[in-house]
PDB file of N, CA and C in Angstrom:
ATOM      1  N   MET A   1     -14.615  -1.331   5.209  1.00  0.00           N
ATOM      2  CA  MET A   1     -13.281  -1.326   4.630  1.00  0.00           C
ATOM      3  C   MET A   1     -12.462  -2.429   5.251  1.00  0.00           C
ATOM      4  N   GLY A   2     -11.564  -2.978   4.460  1.00  0.00           N
ATOM      5  CA  GLY A   2     -10.705  -4.018   4.964  1.00  0.00           C
ATOM      6  C   GLY A   2      -9.332  -3.945   4.323  1.00  0.00           C
ATOM      7  N   TYR A   3      -8.356  -4.505   4.994  1.00  0.00           N
ATOM      8  CA  TYR A   3      -6.995  -4.539   4.498  1.00  0.00           C
ATOM      9  C   TYR A   3      -6.726  -5.902   3.919  1.00  0.00           C
ATOM     10  N   GLU A   4      -5.944  -5.917   2.854  1.00  0.00           N
ATOM     11  CA  GLU A   4      -5.560  -7.188   2.270  1.00  0.00           C
ATOM     12  C   GLU A   4      -4.205  -7.057   1.600  1.00  0.00           C
ATOM     13  N   GLN A   5      -3.504  -8.161   1.593  1.00  0.00           N
ATOM     14  CA  GLN A   5      -2.207  -8.165   0.929  1.00  0.00           C
ATOM     15  C   GLN A   5      -2.425  -8.095  -0.575  1.00  0.00           C
ATOM     16  N   VAL A   6      -1.554  -7.383  -1.245  1.00  0.00           N
ATOM     17  CA  VAL A   6      -1.664  -7.190  -2.685  1.00  0.00           C
ATOM     18  C   VAL A   6      -1.302  -8.479  -3.405  1.00  0.00           C
ATOM     19  N   ARG A   7      -2.142  -8.839  -4.361  1.00  0.00           N
ATOM     20  CA  ARG A   7      -1.891  -9.991  -5.242  1.00  0.00           C
ATOM     21  C   ARG A   7      -1.479  -9.455  -6.612  1.00  0.00           C
ATOM     22  N   ALA A   8      -1.017 -10.326  -7.471  1.00  0.00           N
ATOM     23  CA  ALA A   8      -0.593  -9.922  -8.811  1.00  0.00           C
ATOM     24  C   ALA A   8      -1.713  -9.194  -9.544  1.00  0.00           C
ATOM     25  N   SER A   9      -2.929  -9.607  -9.347  1.00  0.00           N
ATOM     26  CA  SER A   9      -4.064  -8.980 -10.036  1.00  0.00           C
ATOM     27  C   SER A   9      -4.358  -7.572  -9.514  1.00  0.00           C
ATOM     28  N   ASP A  10      -3.791  -7.203  -8.379  1.00  0.00           N
ATOM     29  CA  ASP A  10      -4.008  -5.876  -7.784  1.00  0.00           C
ATOM     30  C   ASP A  10      -2.982  -4.840  -8.218  1.00  0.00           C
ATOM     31  N   VAL A  11      -1.887  -5.281  -8.820  1.00  0.00           N
ATOM     32  CA  VAL A  11      -0.755  -4.376  -9.058  1.00  0.00           C
ATOM     33  C   VAL A  11      -1.138  -3.213  -9.963  1.00  0.00           C
ATOM     34  N   GLN A  12      -1.908  -3.447 -11.001  1.00  0.00           N
ATOM     35  CA  GLN A  12      -2.286  -2.356 -11.901  1.00  0.00           C
ATOM     36  C   GLN A  12      -3.091  -1.290 -11.154  1.00  0.00           C
ATOM     37  N   GLY A  13      -4.058  -1.695 -10.351  1.00  0.00           N
ATOM     38  CA  GLY A  13      -4.835  -0.734  -9.571  1.00  0.00           C
ATOM     39  C   GLY A  13      -3.988  -0.010  -8.550  1.00  0.00           C
ATOM     40  N   LEU A  14      -3.045  -0.729  -7.933  1.00  0.00           N
ATOM     41  CA  LEU A  14      -2.149  -0.103  -6.966  1.00  0.00           C
ATOM     42  C   LEU A  14      -1.242   0.905  -7.661  1.00  0.00           C
ATOM     43  N   ARG A  15      -0.752   0.568  -8.839  1.00  0.00           N
ATOM     44  CA  ARG A  15       0.081   1.513  -9.599  1.00  0.00           C
ATOM     45  C   ARG A  15      -0.688   2.814  -9.860  1.00  0.00           C
ATOM     46  N   ALA A  16      -1.929   2.697 -10.268  1.00  0.00           N
ATOM     47  CA  ALA A  16      -2.746   3.891 -10.535  1.00  0.00           C
ATOM     48  C   ALA A  16      -2.948   4.701  -9.259  1.00  0.00           C
ATOM     49  N   PHE A  17      -3.226   4.012  -8.148  1.00  0.00           N
ATOM     50  CA  PHE A  17      -3.428   4.701  -6.875  1.00  0.00           C
ATOM     51  C   PHE A  17      -2.160   5.442  -6.444  1.00  0.00           C
ATOM     52  N   LEU A  18      -1.010   4.768  -6.517  1.00  0.00           N
ATOM     53  CA  LEU A  18       0.249   5.389  -6.103  1.00  0.00           C
ATOM     54  C   LEU A  18       0.648   6.533  -7.020  1.00  0.00           C
ATOM     55  N   THR A  19       0.380   6.404  -8.308  1.00  0.00           N
ATOM     56  CA  THR A  19       0.661   7.490  -9.243  1.00  0.00           C
ATOM     57  C   THR A  19      -0.166   8.714  -8.867  1.00  0.00           C
ATOM     58  N   GLY A  20      -1.432   8.508  -8.531  1.00  0.00           N
ATOM     59  CA  GLY A  20      -2.292   9.603  -8.110  1.00  0.00           C
ATOM     60  C   GLY A  20      -1.821  10.260  -6.823  1.00  0.00           C
ATOM     61  N   ALA A  21      -1.147   9.489  -5.974  1.00  0.00           N
ATOM     62  CA  ALA A  21      -0.614  10.021  -4.717  1.00  0.00           C
ATOM     63  C   ALA A  21       0.798  10.574  -4.885  1.00  0.00           C
ATOM     64  N   ASP A  22       1.324  10.521  -6.114  1.00  0.00           N
ATOM     65  CA  ASP A  22       2.665  10.998  -6.440  1.00  0.00           C
ATOM     66  C   ASP A  22       3.739  10.258  -5.655  1.00  0.00           C
ATOM     67  N   LEU A  23       3.557   8.940  -5.523  1.00  0.00           N
ATOM     68  CA  LEU A  23       4.542   8.091  -4.841  1.00  0.00           C
ATOM     69  C   LEU A  23       5.243   7.197  -5.847  1.00  0.00           C
ATOM     70  N   THR A  24       6.419   6.733  -5.486  1.00  0.00           N
ATOM     71  CA  THR A  24       7.229   5.920  -6.386  1.00  0.00           C
ATOM     72  C   THR A  24       6.584   4.563  -6.662  1.00  0.00           C
ATOM     73  N   LEU A  25       6.844   4.074  -7.856  1.00  0.00           N
ATOM     74  CA  LEU A  25       6.398   2.745  -8.253  1.00  0.00           C
ATOM     75  C   LEU A  25       7.558   1.756  -8.237  1.00  0.00           C
ATOM     76  N   ALA A  26       8.747   2.252  -7.961  1.00  0.00           N
ATOM     77  CA  ALA A  26       9.943   1.420  -8.001  1.00  0.00           C
ATOM     78  C   ALA A  26       9.859   0.280  -6.997  1.00  0.00           C
ATOM     79  N   GLY A  27      10.168  -0.914  -7.458  1.00  0.00           N
ATOM     80  CA  GLY A  27      10.273  -2.066  -6.579  1.00  0.00           C
ATOM     81  C   GLY A  27       8.978  -2.750  -6.211  1.00  0.00           C
ATOM     82  N   LEU A  28       7.878  -2.410  -6.878  1.00  0.00           N
ATOM     83  CA  LEU A  28       6.605  -3.037  -6.507  1.00  0.00           C
ATOM     84  C   LEU A  28       6.629  -4.552  -6.668  1.00  0.00           C
ATOM     85  N   GLU A  29       7.407  -5.041  -7.628  1.00  0.00           N
ATOM     86  CA  GLU A  29       7.452  -6.481  -7.861  1.00  0.00           C
ATOM     87  C   GLU A  29       8.648  -7.153  -7.192  1.00  0.00           C
ATOM     88  N   THR A  30       9.401  -6.410  -6.400  1.00  0.00           N
ATOM     89  CA  THR A  30      10.562  -6.977  -5.712  1.00  0.00           C
ATOM     90  C   THR A  30      10.105  -7.956  -4.641  1.00  0.00           C
ATOM     91  N   GLY A  31      10.748  -9.101  -4.576  1.00  0.00           N
ATOM     92  CA  GLY A  31      10.349 -10.141  -3.639  1.00  0.00           C
ATOM     93  C   GLY A  31      10.427  -9.765  -2.172  1.00  0.00           C
ATOM     94  N   SER A  32      11.262  -8.794  -1.830  1.00  0.00           N
ATOM     95  CA  SER A  32      11.403  -8.399  -0.428  1.00  0.00           C
ATOM     96  C   SER A  32      10.363  -7.365  -0.006  1.00  0.00           C
ATOM     97  N   VAL A  33       9.572  -6.879  -0.953  1.00  0.00           N
ATOM     98  CA  VAL A  33       8.575  -5.848  -0.662  1.00  0.00           C
ATOM     99  C   VAL A  33       7.225  -6.499  -0.388  1.00  0.00           C
ATOM    100  N   ARG A  34       6.588  -6.085   0.687  1.00  0.00           N
ATOM    101  CA  ARG A  34       5.242  -6.547   1.045  1.00  0.00           C
ATOM    102  C   ARG A  34       4.312  -5.356   0.908  1.00  0.00           C
ATOM    103  N   LEU A  35       3.206  -5.542   0.236  1.00  0.00           N
ATOM    104  CA  LEU A  35       2.280  -4.455  -0.037  1.00  0.00           C
ATOM    105  C   LEU A  35       0.892  -4.826   0.456  1.00  0.00           C
ATOM    106  N   TRP A  36       0.204  -3.841   1.024  1.00  0.00           N
ATOM    107  CA  TRP A  36      -1.151  -4.021   1.531  1.00  0.00           C
ATOM    108  C   TRP A  36      -2.008  -2.859   1.033  1.00  0.00           C
ATOM    109  N   VAL A  37      -3.277  -3.120   0.858  1.00  0.00           N
ATOM    110  CA  VAL A  37      -4.204  -2.056   0.464  1.00  0.00           C
ATOM    111  C   VAL A  37      -5.429  -2.086   1.367  1.00  0.00           C
ATOM    112  N   GLU A  38      -6.057  -0.935   1.454  1.00  0.00           N
ATOM    113  CA  GLU A  38      -7.353  -0.813   2.107  1.00  0.00           C
ATOM    114  C   GLU A  38      -8.343  -0.492   1.005  1.00  0.00           C
ATOM    115  N   ARG A  39      -9.500  -1.123   1.029  1.00  0.00           N
ATOM    116  CA  ARG A  39     -10.517  -0.907   0.001  1.00  0.00           C
ATOM    117  C   ARG A  39     -11.792  -0.379   0.640  1.00  0.00           C
ATOM    118  N   ASP A  40     -12.532   0.390  -0.146  1.00  0.00           N
ATOM    119  CA  ASP A  40     -13.831   0.867   0.326  1.00  0.00           C
ATOM    120  C   ASP A  40     -14.906  -0.167  -0.008  1.00  0.00           C
ATOM    121  N   ALA A  41     -16.144   0.158   0.260  1.00  0.00           N
ATOM    122  CA  ALA A  41     -17.248  -0.777   0.048  1.00  0.00           C
ATOM    123  C   ALA A  41     -17.396  -1.170  -1.421  1.00  0.00           C
ATOM    124  N   ASP A  42     -16.914  -0.321  -2.342  1.00  0.00           N
ATOM    125  CA  ASP A  42     -16.969  -0.612  -3.772  1.00  0.00           C
ATOM    126  C   ASP A  42     -15.721  -1.329  -4.267  1.00  0.00           C
ATOM    127  N   ARG A  43     -14.849  -1.732  -3.334  1.00  0.00           N
ATOM    128  CA  ARG A  43     -13.608  -2.457  -3.631  1.00  0.00           C
ATOM    129  C   ARG A  43     -12.544  -1.590  -4.299  1.00  0.00           C
ATOM    130  N   GLN A  44     -12.709  -0.273  -4.236  1.00  0.00           N
ATOM    131  CA  GLN A  44     -11.703   0.642  -4.767  1.00  0.00           C
ATOM    132  C   GLN A  44     -10.597   0.825  -3.731  1.00  0.00           C
ATOM    133  N   ILE A  45      -9.360   0.918  -4.178  1.00  0.00           N
ATOM    134  CA  ILE A  45      -8.237   1.142  -3.269  1.00  0.00           C
ATOM    135  C   ILE A  45      -8.318   2.570  -2.732  1.00  0.00           C
ATOM    136  N   VAL A  46      -8.343   2.699  -1.419  1.00  0.00           N
ATOM    137  CA  VAL A  46      -8.386   4.011  -0.783  1.00  0.00           C
ATOM    138  C   VAL A  46      -7.204   4.229   0.160  1.00  0.00           C
ATOM    139  N   GLY A  47      -6.352   3.216   0.289  1.00  0.00           N
ATOM    140  CA  GLY A  47      -5.163   3.335   1.123  1.00  0.00           C
ATOM    141  C   GLY A  47      -4.195   2.216   0.793  1.00  0.00           C
ATOM    142  N   SER A  48      -2.927   2.472   1.053  1.00  0.00           N
ATOM    143  CA  SER A  48      -1.924   1.434   0.814  1.00  0.00           C
ATOM    144  C   SER A  48      -0.730   1.652   1.725  1.00  0.00           C
ATOM    145  N   ASN A  49      -0.017   0.567   1.934  1.00  0.00           N
ATOM    146  CA  ASN A  49       1.274   0.663   2.593  1.00  0.00           C
ATOM    147  C   ASN A  49       2.195  -0.369   1.984  1.00  0.00           C
ATOM    148  N   GLY A  50       3.467  -0.141   2.163  1.00  0.00           N
ATOM    149  CA  GLY A  50       4.459  -1.068   1.672  1.00  0.00           C
ATOM    150  C   GLY A  50       5.642  -1.067   2.612  1.00  0.00           C
ATOM    151  N   TYR A  51       6.213  -2.235   2.777  1.00  0.00           N
ATOM    152  CA  TYR A  51       7.431  -2.310   3.567  1.00  0.00           C
ATOM    153  C   TYR A  51       8.355  -3.330   2.939  1.00  0.00           C
ATOM    154  N   GLU A  52       9.629  -3.153   3.199  1.00  0.00           N
ATOM    155  CA  GLU A  52      10.658  -4.001   2.619  1.00  0.00           C
ATOM    156  C   GLU A  52      11.360  -4.753   3.739  1.00  0.00           C
ATOM    157  N   ILE A  53      11.504  -6.045   3.561  1.00  0.00           N
ATOM    158  CA  ILE A  53      12.147  -6.917   4.553  1.00  0.00           C
ATOM    159  C   ILE A  53      13.638  -7.029   4.220  1.00  0.00           C
ATOM    160  N   SER A  54      14.480  -6.926   5.251  1.00  0.00           N
ATOM    161  CA  SER A  54      15.916  -7.078   5.043  1.00  0.00           C
ATOM    162  C   SER A  54      16.248  -8.534   4.706  1.00  0.00           C
ATOM    163  N   GLU A  55      17.420  -8.738   4.122  1.00  0.00           N
ATOM    164  CA  GLU A  55      17.827 -10.093   3.733  1.00  0.00           C
ATOM    165  C   GLU A  55      17.830 -11.059   4.909  1.00  0.00           C
ATOM    166  N   ASP A  56      18.219 -10.582   6.096  1.00  0.00           N
ATOM    167  CA  ASP A  56      18.243 -11.466   7.265  1.00  0.00           C
ATOM    168  C   ASP A  56      16.864 -11.582   7.925  1.00  0.00           C
ATOM    169  N   ARG A  57      15.868 -10.886   7.349  1.00  0.00           N
ATOM    170  CA  ARG A  57      14.483 -10.912   7.815  1.00  0.00           C
ATOM    171  C   ARG A  57      14.312 -10.412   9.246  1.00  0.00           C
ATOM    172  N   ARG A  58      15.287  -9.635   9.745  1.00  0.00           N
ATOM    173  CA  ARG A  58      15.210  -9.101  11.101  1.00  0.00           C
ATOM    174  C   ARG A  58      14.731  -7.662  11.142  1.00  0.00           C
ATOM    175  N   HIS A  59      14.725  -6.995   9.976  1.00  0.00           N
ATOM    176  CA  HIS A  59      14.370  -5.583   9.929  1.00  0.00           C
ATOM    177  C   HIS A  59      13.394  -5.323   8.792  1.00  0.00           C
ATOM    178  N   ALA A  60      12.617  -4.278   8.955  1.00  0.00           N
ATOM    179  CA  ALA A  60      11.700  -3.860   7.901  1.00  0.00           C
ATOM    180  C   ALA A  60      11.792  -2.350   7.742  1.00  0.00           C
ATOM    181  N   LEU A  61      11.683  -1.912   6.515  1.00  0.00           N
ATOM    182  CA  LEU A  61      11.693  -0.498   6.185  1.00  0.00           C
ATOM    183  C   LEU A  61      10.328  -0.149   5.617  1.00  0.00           C
ATOM    184  N   ILE A  62       9.636   0.792   6.249  1.00  0.00           N
ATOM    185  CA  ILE A  62       8.358   1.241   5.711  1.00  0.00           C
ATOM    186  C   ILE A  62       8.665   2.083   4.477  1.00  0.00           C
ATOM    187  N   ARG A  63       8.099   1.676   3.353  1.00  0.00           N
ATOM    188  CA  ARG A  63       8.355   2.372   2.092  1.00  0.00           C
ATOM    189  C   ARG A  63       7.384   3.519   1.877  1.00  0.00           C
ATOM    190  N   SER A  64       6.128   3.298   2.169  1.00  0.00           N
ATOM    191  CA  SER A  64       5.154   4.366   1.971  1.00  0.00           C
ATOM    192  C   SER A  64       3.838   4.012   2.632  1.00  0.00           C
ATOM    193  N   VAL A  65       3.112   5.028   3.006  1.00  0.00           N
ATOM    194  CA  VAL A  65       1.728   4.907   3.459  1.00  0.00           C
ATOM    195  C   VAL A  65       0.971   5.992   2.703  1.00  0.00           C
ATOM    196  N   ALA A  66      -0.094   5.605   2.022  1.00  0.00           N
ATOM    197  CA  ALA A  66      -0.883   6.574   1.261  1.00  0.00           C
ATOM    198  C   ALA A  66      -2.358   6.360   1.557  1.00  0.00           C
ATOM    199  N   VAL A  67      -3.078   7.459   1.659  1.00  0.00           N
ATOM    200  CA  VAL A  67      -4.523   7.417   1.900  1.00  0.00           C
ATOM    201  C   VAL A  67      -5.175   8.389   0.923  1.00  0.00           C
ATOM    202  N   ALA A  68      -6.246   7.959   0.273  1.00  0.00           N
ATOM    203  CA  ALA A  68      -6.973   8.821  -0.650  1.00  0.00           C
ATOM    204  C   ALA A  68      -7.465  10.061   0.087  1.00  0.00           C
ATOM    205  N   PRO A  69      -7.444  11.223  -0.559  1.00  0.00           N
ATOM    206  CA  PRO A  69      -7.846  12.471   0.106  1.00  0.00           C
ATOM    207  C   PRO A  69      -9.207  12.394   0.798  1.00  0.00           C
ATOM    208  N   GLN A  70     -10.170  11.747   0.184  1.00  0.00           N
ATOM    209  CA  GLN A  70     -11.513  11.674   0.770  1.00  0.00           C
ATOM    210  C   GLN A  70     -11.584  10.771   2.000  1.00  0.00           C
ATOM    211  N   ASN A  71     -10.524   9.999   2.271  1.00  0.00           N
ATOM    212  CA  ASN A  71     -10.523   9.094   3.418  1.00  0.00           C
ATOM    213  C   ASN A  71      -9.559   9.535   4.514  1.00  0.00           C
ATOM    214  N   ARG A  72      -8.962  10.672   4.348  1.00  0.00           N
ATOM    215  CA  ARG A  72      -8.033  11.163   5.378  1.00  0.00           C
ATOM    216  C   ARG A  72      -8.825  11.650   6.588  1.00  0.00           C
ATOM    217  N   THR A  73      -8.165  11.703   7.713  1.00  0.00           N
ATOM    218  CA  THR A  73      -8.703  12.095   9.021  1.00  0.00           C
ATOM    219  C   THR A  73      -9.631  11.027   9.599  1.00  0.00           C
ATOM    220  N   GLU A  74      -9.634   9.832   9.037  1.00  0.00           N
ATOM    221  CA  GLU A  74     -10.444   8.718   9.563  1.00  0.00           C
ATOM    222  C   GLU A  74      -9.588   7.677  10.272  1.00  0.00           C
ATOM    223  N   GLY A  75      -8.286   7.914  10.367  1.00  0.00           N
ATOM    224  CA  GLY A  75      -7.406   6.984  11.041  1.00  0.00           C
ATOM    225  C   GLY A  75      -6.802   5.917  10.154  1.00  0.00           C
ATOM    226  N   SER A  76      -7.099   5.967   8.856  1.00  0.00           N
ATOM    227  CA  SER A  76      -6.584   4.939   7.941  1.00  0.00           C
ATOM    228  C   SER A  76      -5.071   4.928   7.894  1.00  0.00           C
ATOM    229  N   GLY A  77      -4.435   6.103   7.816  1.00  0.00           N
ATOM    230  CA  GLY A  77      -2.989   6.165   7.759  1.00  0.00           C
ATOM    231  C   GLY A  77      -2.335   5.536   8.972  1.00  0.00           C
ATOM    232  N   SER A  78      -2.870   5.792  10.144  1.00  0.00           N
ATOM    233  CA  SER A  78      -2.337   5.198  11.370  1.00  0.00           C
ATOM    234  C   SER A  78      -2.494   3.691  11.374  1.00  0.00           C
ATOM    235  N   ARG A  79      -3.655   3.209  10.928  1.00  0.00           N
ATOM    236  CA  ARG A  79      -3.881   1.755  10.881  1.00  0.00           C
ATOM    237  C   ARG A  79      -2.935   1.097   9.880  1.00  0.00           C
ATOM    238  N   LEU A  80      -2.763   1.723   8.743  1.00  0.00           N
ATOM    239  CA  LEU A  80      -1.883   1.155   7.729  1.00  0.00           C
ATOM    240  C   LEU A  80      -0.432   1.146   8.190  1.00  0.00           C
ATOM    241  N   ALA A  81      -0.012   2.201   8.874  1.00  0.00           N
ATOM    242  CA  ALA A  81       1.368   2.255   9.354  1.00  0.00           C
ATOM    243  C   ALA A  81       1.605   1.209  10.418  1.00  0.00           C
TER     244      ALA A  81
END
């Protein structure tokens, strides 16, 4: 598994993953939001995190951390956070 920053081509898959986790989709395309995903060996998204950078770039707000149910208790949430 590896972490990677979300690209435009990843947004649809991330939307599906977040919907399944019952998390908000608001602001995914906002320029101040940074999104990362963790993928399994089959390249499926199994974890994600997002944070928002303040205008002065001195602060960040963690928006969400999500881990697929089958990957919980493996430390993914802690690594993503």
